[in-house]
Amino acid sequence: MWPAARPEASVVVLWAPVTDPLSTYSILMGSETVKNALSASDDSVIDAKLSWGGETKLKGAFFKELPLLTPIGAIGRYPGPLRVIVGQRETIVTPNRLRGRSFSNVIMVYMI
C-alpha cells in the first residue's frame, strides 16, 4: 500500500526504491523470464531464478502489472516529508542513484 493511501504516515523513508519495475525485475529474474511471463496467463505460476541465486514463484498477473506501475507517480501524491536513500554503487534497483532524484521534495542521502 502506498503512503498516499495511509494518512497516519507522517514521514516516509524509501531505501533503494524501485522506480522502474519492469527493468528492475528483468535484472532480478532475467529479461527472458520476464518476457515469457508477460505472455503467460494470469494464473500461470512462473518459476524465476533470482540474480543472487535464490528462486521464487509468481503468477503471470504479477508480471502483467509491471509495465503499468508508476511508483514515482504514486509516492508523488504523498504530502509529507520524504527521504530517499540510494546507494552510489546500486546495481540491482534500476536505474540506480540518478533516478532517486526523480522524487519531489526529497532529502537525498547517498550510501557508500
N, C-alpha and C. Protein backbone atom coordinates (compact mmCIF):
# COMPACT_ATOMS: atom_id res chain seq x y z
N MET A 1 0.85 -1.17 0.00
CA MET A 1 0.00 0.00 0.00
C MET A 1 0.89 1.23 0.00
N TRP A 2 0.58 2.18 -0.83
CA TRP A 2 1.38 3.39 -0.96
C TRP A 2 1.10 4.34 0.19
N PRO A 3 2.11 5.10 0.61
CA PRO A 3 1.94 6.06 1.71
C PRO A 3 0.81 7.05 1.47
N ALA A 4 0.54 7.41 0.22
CA ALA A 4 -0.53 8.35 -0.06
C ALA A 4 -1.87 7.80 0.42
N ALA A 5 -1.97 6.49 0.49
CA ALA A 5 -3.21 5.86 0.94
C ALA A 5 -3.20 5.61 2.45
N ARG A 6 -2.14 6.00 3.12
CA ARG A 6 -2.01 5.79 4.57
C ARG A 6 -1.90 7.13 5.27
N PRO A 7 -3.02 7.75 5.65
CA PRO A 7 -2.97 9.08 6.25
C PRO A 7 -2.22 9.13 7.58
N GLU A 8 -2.05 8.00 8.24
CA GLU A 8 -1.33 8.01 9.51
C GLU A 8 0.18 8.13 9.33
N ALA A 9 0.67 7.98 8.10
CA ALA A 9 2.11 8.12 7.84
C ALA A 9 2.47 9.60 7.84
N SER A 10 3.34 10.00 8.78
CA SER A 10 3.71 11.41 8.85
C SER A 10 5.06 11.68 8.19
N VAL A 11 5.86 10.63 8.00
CA VAL A 11 7.17 10.73 7.36
C VAL A 11 7.40 9.41 6.62
N VAL A 12 8.02 9.48 5.44
CA VAL A 12 8.32 8.26 4.68
C VAL A 12 9.80 8.25 4.31
N VAL A 13 10.43 7.08 4.48
CA VAL A 13 11.80 6.87 4.04
C VAL A 13 11.77 5.71 3.05
N LEU A 14 12.32 5.94 1.87
CA LEU A 14 12.41 4.88 0.85
C LEU A 14 13.88 4.50 0.70
N TRP A 15 14.17 3.21 0.86
CA TRP A 15 15.53 2.72 0.75
C TRP A 15 15.65 1.98 -0.58
N ALA A 16 16.44 2.51 -1.49
CA ALA A 16 16.62 1.93 -2.83
C ALA A 16 15.28 1.59 -3.46
N PRO A 17 14.42 2.60 -3.62
CA PRO A 17 13.08 2.32 -4.15
C PRO A 17 13.10 1.92 -5.62
N VAL A 18 12.21 1.03 -5.96
CA VAL A 18 12.05 0.63 -7.36
C VAL A 18 11.30 1.75 -8.07
N THR A 19 11.92 2.34 -9.09
CA THR A 19 11.27 3.39 -9.85
C THR A 19 10.85 2.89 -11.23
N ASP A 20 11.46 1.81 -11.69
CA ASP A 20 11.13 1.22 -12.99
C ASP A 20 10.98 -0.29 -12.78
N PRO A 21 9.77 -0.72 -12.38
CA PRO A 21 9.58 -2.14 -12.03
C PRO A 21 9.94 -3.12 -13.15
N LEU A 22 9.58 -2.82 -14.38
CA LEU A 22 9.86 -3.76 -15.46
C LEU A 22 11.36 -3.96 -15.64
N SER A 23 12.14 -2.90 -15.62
CA SER A 23 13.60 -3.02 -15.75
C SER A 23 14.21 -3.73 -14.55
N THR A 24 13.75 -3.36 -13.36
CA THR A 24 14.31 -3.95 -12.14
C THR A 24 14.06 -5.45 -12.09
N TYR A 25 12.83 -5.87 -12.35
CA TYR A 25 12.55 -7.31 -12.30
C TYR A 25 13.19 -8.06 -13.45
N SER A 26 13.45 -7.40 -14.57
CA SER A 26 14.18 -8.04 -15.66
C SER A 26 15.62 -8.32 -15.25
N ILE A 27 16.20 -7.43 -14.44
CA ILE A 27 17.54 -7.66 -13.91
C ILE A 27 17.51 -8.76 -12.86
N LEU A 28 16.54 -8.70 -11.97
CA LEU A 28 16.46 -9.67 -10.88
C LEU A 28 16.20 -11.10 -11.37
N MET A 29 15.34 -11.24 -12.38
CA MET A 29 14.89 -12.56 -12.81
C MET A 29 15.33 -12.94 -14.21
N GLY A 30 15.95 -12.01 -14.91
CA GLY A 30 16.35 -12.26 -16.29
C GLY A 30 15.28 -11.77 -17.25
N SER A 31 15.71 -11.09 -18.29
CA SER A 31 14.75 -10.50 -19.23
C SER A 31 13.93 -11.55 -19.97
N GLU A 32 14.51 -12.70 -20.23
CA GLU A 32 13.78 -13.76 -20.94
C GLU A 32 12.65 -14.31 -20.06
N THR A 33 12.91 -14.46 -18.77
CA THR A 33 11.87 -14.93 -17.85
C THR A 33 10.72 -13.93 -17.80
N VAL A 34 11.04 -12.65 -17.68
CA VAL A 34 10.01 -11.62 -17.61
C VAL A 34 9.24 -11.55 -18.92
N LYS A 35 9.94 -11.62 -20.04
CA LYS A 35 9.28 -11.58 -21.35
C LYS A 35 8.29 -12.74 -21.49
N ASN A 36 8.70 -13.94 -21.13
CA ASN A 36 7.81 -15.10 -21.22
C ASN A 36 6.64 -14.98 -20.25
N ALA A 37 6.90 -14.46 -19.07
CA ALA A 37 5.85 -14.31 -18.06
C ALA A 37 4.79 -13.30 -18.49
N LEU A 38 5.20 -12.27 -19.22
CA LEU A 38 4.26 -11.26 -19.69
C LEU A 38 3.23 -11.83 -20.65
N SER A 39 3.58 -12.91 -21.33
CA SER A 39 2.64 -13.53 -22.27
C SER A 39 1.92 -14.73 -21.66
N ALA A 40 2.21 -15.06 -20.42
CA ALA A 40 1.55 -16.18 -19.74
C ALA A 40 0.17 -15.75 -19.24
N SER A 41 -0.67 -16.72 -18.94
CA SER A 41 -1.99 -16.40 -18.38
C SER A 41 -1.83 -15.87 -16.96
N ASP A 42 -2.82 -15.13 -16.50
CA ASP A 42 -2.75 -14.53 -15.16
C ASP A 42 -2.53 -15.56 -14.06
N ASP A 43 -3.09 -16.76 -14.20
CA ASP A 43 -3.00 -17.78 -13.16
C ASP A 43 -1.79 -18.69 -13.30
N SER A 44 -1.05 -18.56 -14.38
CA SER A 44 0.15 -19.39 -14.56
C SER A 44 1.16 -19.08 -13.47
N VAL A 45 1.79 -20.12 -12.94
CA VAL A 45 2.83 -19.93 -11.95
C VAL A 45 4.18 -19.93 -12.67
N ILE A 46 4.91 -18.84 -12.47
CA ILE A 46 6.20 -18.67 -13.14
C ILE A 46 7.31 -18.94 -12.12
N ASP A 47 8.18 -19.90 -12.45
CA ASP A 47 9.36 -20.17 -11.62
C ASP A 47 10.46 -19.24 -12.10
N ALA A 48 11.00 -18.44 -11.21
CA ALA A 48 12.03 -17.49 -11.60
C ALA A 48 13.26 -17.65 -10.72
N LYS A 49 14.40 -17.72 -11.37
CA LYS A 49 15.68 -17.73 -10.66
C LYS A 49 16.10 -16.28 -10.45
N LEU A 50 16.53 -15.98 -9.26
CA LEU A 50 16.92 -14.61 -8.91
C LEU A 50 18.41 -14.40 -9.13
N SER A 51 18.80 -13.17 -9.37
CA SER A 51 20.18 -12.85 -9.72
C SER A 51 21.19 -13.26 -8.65
N TRP A 52 20.77 -13.37 -7.41
CA TRP A 52 21.71 -13.72 -6.33
C TRP A 52 21.68 -15.22 -6.02
N GLY A 53 20.94 -16.01 -6.84
CA GLY A 53 20.96 -17.45 -6.67
C GLY A 53 19.70 -18.04 -6.07
N GLY A 54 18.81 -17.23 -5.55
CA GLY A 54 17.56 -17.73 -5.00
C GLY A 54 16.55 -18.04 -6.09
N GLU A 55 15.40 -18.51 -5.67
CA GLU A 55 14.32 -18.79 -6.61
C GLU A 55 13.01 -18.31 -6.00
N THR A 56 12.05 -18.00 -6.87
CA THR A 56 10.73 -17.60 -6.41
C THR A 56 9.69 -18.06 -7.41
N LYS A 57 8.45 -18.07 -6.98
CA LYS A 57 7.32 -18.40 -7.85
C LYS A 57 6.34 -17.25 -7.78
N LEU A 58 5.95 -16.73 -8.93
CA LEU A 58 4.99 -15.64 -9.01
C LEU A 58 4.00 -15.95 -10.13
N LYS A 59 2.80 -15.45 -9.99
CA LYS A 59 1.80 -15.67 -11.03
C LYS A 59 1.97 -14.68 -12.17
N GLY A 60 1.47 -15.06 -13.34
CA GLY A 60 1.55 -14.23 -14.52
C GLY A 60 0.96 -12.84 -14.29
N ALA A 61 -0.08 -12.75 -13.48
CA ALA A 61 -0.73 -11.46 -13.20
C ALA A 61 0.26 -10.46 -12.60
N PHE A 62 1.19 -10.94 -11.77
CA PHE A 62 2.21 -10.06 -11.18
C PHE A 62 3.01 -9.37 -12.28
N PHE A 63 3.47 -10.16 -13.23
CA PHE A 63 4.31 -9.62 -14.30
C PHE A 63 3.54 -8.66 -15.21
N LYS A 64 2.28 -8.94 -15.43
CA LYS A 64 1.48 -8.07 -16.30
C LYS A 64 1.24 -6.70 -15.69
N GLU A 65 1.38 -6.58 -14.37
CA GLU A 65 1.24 -5.28 -13.71
C GLU A 65 2.52 -4.44 -13.81
N LEU A 66 3.65 -5.07 -14.03
CA LEU A 66 4.93 -4.35 -14.01
C LEU A 66 4.97 -3.14 -14.95
N PRO A 67 4.54 -3.27 -16.22
CA PRO A 67 4.61 -2.09 -17.10
C PRO A 67 3.58 -1.02 -16.74
N LEU A 68 2.62 -1.36 -15.90
CA LEU A 68 1.55 -0.42 -15.56
C LEU A 68 1.84 0.37 -14.29
N LEU A 69 2.80 -0.09 -13.50
CA LEU A 69 3.09 0.56 -12.22
C LEU A 69 3.91 1.83 -12.41
N THR A 70 3.54 2.87 -11.66
CA THR A 70 4.28 4.12 -11.68
C THR A 70 4.57 4.54 -10.24
N PRO A 71 5.60 3.95 -9.64
CA PRO A 71 5.91 4.25 -8.25
C PRO A 71 6.15 5.73 -7.97
N ILE A 72 6.81 6.42 -8.88
CA ILE A 72 7.07 7.84 -8.65
C ILE A 72 5.76 8.62 -8.62
N GLY A 73 4.85 8.27 -9.51
CA GLY A 73 3.54 8.93 -9.51
C GLY A 73 2.78 8.66 -8.23
N ALA A 74 2.87 7.43 -7.73
CA ALA A 74 2.14 7.06 -6.51
C ALA A 74 2.69 7.79 -5.29
N ILE A 75 4.00 7.80 -5.13
CA ILE A 75 4.59 8.46 -3.97
C ILE A 75 4.48 9.98 -4.10
N GLY A 76 4.36 10.47 -5.32
CA GLY A 76 4.23 11.90 -5.56
C GLY A 76 2.97 12.50 -4.94
N ARG A 77 1.98 11.65 -4.67
CA ARG A 77 0.75 12.12 -4.03
C ARG A 77 0.90 12.23 -2.52
N TYR A 78 2.01 11.73 -1.99
CA TYR A 78 2.23 11.80 -0.55
C TYR A 78 2.63 13.23 -0.18
N PRO A 79 1.89 13.88 0.73
CA PRO A 79 2.14 15.29 1.02
C PRO A 79 3.22 15.56 2.07
N GLY A 80 3.67 14.53 2.78
CA GLY A 80 4.60 14.74 3.89
C GLY A 80 6.06 14.69 3.49
N PRO A 81 6.93 14.77 4.50
CA PRO A 81 8.38 14.71 4.25
C PRO A 81 8.77 13.34 3.70
N LEU A 82 9.69 13.36 2.77
CA LEU A 82 10.13 12.13 2.10
C LEU A 82 11.64 12.12 2.01
N ARG A 83 12.26 11.05 2.47
CA ARG A 83 13.70 10.87 2.33
C ARG A 83 13.93 9.63 1.48
N VAL A 84 14.75 9.78 0.45
CA VAL A 84 15.08 8.66 -0.43
C VAL A 84 16.56 8.36 -0.27
N ILE A 85 16.86 7.13 0.04
CA ILE A 85 18.25 6.69 0.23
C ILE A 85 18.59 5.74 -0.91
N VAL A 86 19.61 6.10 -1.68
CA VAL A 86 20.01 5.30 -2.84
C VAL A 86 21.52 5.15 -2.82
N GLY A 87 21.99 3.93 -2.93
CA GLY A 87 23.42 3.67 -2.91
C GLY A 87 24.11 4.14 -4.18
N GLN A 88 25.28 4.71 -4.04
CA GLN A 88 26.05 5.15 -5.20
C GLN A 88 26.48 3.99 -6.07
N ARG A 89 26.58 2.82 -5.49
CA ARG A 89 27.01 1.65 -6.26
C ARG A 89 25.87 0.67 -6.51
N GLU A 90 24.65 1.13 -6.40
CA GLU A 90 23.48 0.28 -6.62
C GLU A 90 23.52 -0.32 -8.02
N THR A 91 23.34 -1.62 -8.11
CA THR A 91 23.38 -2.29 -9.41
C THR A 91 22.11 -3.08 -9.71
N ILE A 92 21.25 -3.27 -8.73
CA ILE A 92 20.06 -4.09 -8.95
C ILE A 92 18.82 -3.25 -9.21
N VAL A 93 18.53 -2.31 -8.34
CA VAL A 93 17.35 -1.49 -8.49
C VAL A 93 17.67 -0.40 -9.50
N THR A 94 17.00 -0.46 -10.65
CA THR A 94 17.32 0.47 -11.73
C THR A 94 16.45 1.70 -11.68
N PRO A 95 16.92 2.74 -12.29
CA PRO A 95 18.24 2.96 -12.86
C PRO A 95 19.20 3.59 -11.87
N ASN A 96 19.21 3.15 -10.69
CA ASN A 96 20.14 3.49 -9.61
C ASN A 96 20.01 4.91 -9.08
N ARG A 97 21.10 5.44 -8.57
CA ARG A 97 21.05 6.68 -7.78
C ARG A 97 20.53 7.89 -8.53
N LEU A 98 20.72 7.96 -9.82
CA LEU A 98 20.25 9.12 -10.56
C LEU A 98 18.73 9.20 -10.56
N ARG A 99 18.07 8.06 -10.56
CA ARG A 99 16.62 8.04 -10.57
C ARG A 99 16.06 8.50 -9.23
N GLY A 100 16.82 8.36 -8.16
CA GLY A 100 16.37 8.83 -6.85
C GLY A 100 16.02 10.31 -6.87
N ARG A 101 16.64 11.04 -7.76
CA ARG A 101 16.37 12.47 -7.87
C ARG A 101 15.03 12.76 -8.55
N SER A 102 14.35 11.73 -9.04
CA SER A 102 13.06 11.90 -9.68
C SER A 102 11.96 12.24 -8.68
N PHE A 103 12.20 11.94 -7.42
CA PHE A 103 11.20 12.19 -6.40
C PHE A 103 11.22 13.66 -6.01
N SER A 104 10.04 14.26 -5.86
CA SER A 104 9.99 15.66 -5.46
C SER A 104 10.08 15.77 -3.94
N ASN A 105 10.51 16.93 -3.46
CA ASN A 105 10.62 17.19 -2.02
C ASN A 105 11.46 16.15 -1.30
N VAL A 106 12.60 15.84 -1.86
CA VAL A 106 13.44 14.76 -1.33
C VAL A 106 14.69 15.33 -0.68
N ILE A 107 15.06 14.73 0.42
CA ILE A 107 16.37 14.96 1.02
C ILE A 107 17.20 13.75 0.60
N MET A 108 18.17 13.94 -0.29
CA MET A 108 18.96 12.81 -0.79
C MET A 108 20.04 12.42 0.21
N VAL A 109 20.21 11.15 0.37
CA VAL A 109 21.30 10.61 1.17
C VAL A 109 21.93 9.50 0.34
N TYR A 110 23.20 9.65 0.01
CA TYR A 110 23.88 8.63 -0.75
C TYR A 110 24.65 7.71 0.19
N MET A 111 24.50 6.45 -0.02
CA MET A 111 25.23 5.46 0.76
C MET A 111 26.54 5.17 0.05
N ILE A 112 27.55 4.84 0.82
CA ILE A 112 28.84 4.46 0.22
C ILE A 112 28.98 2.96 0.30
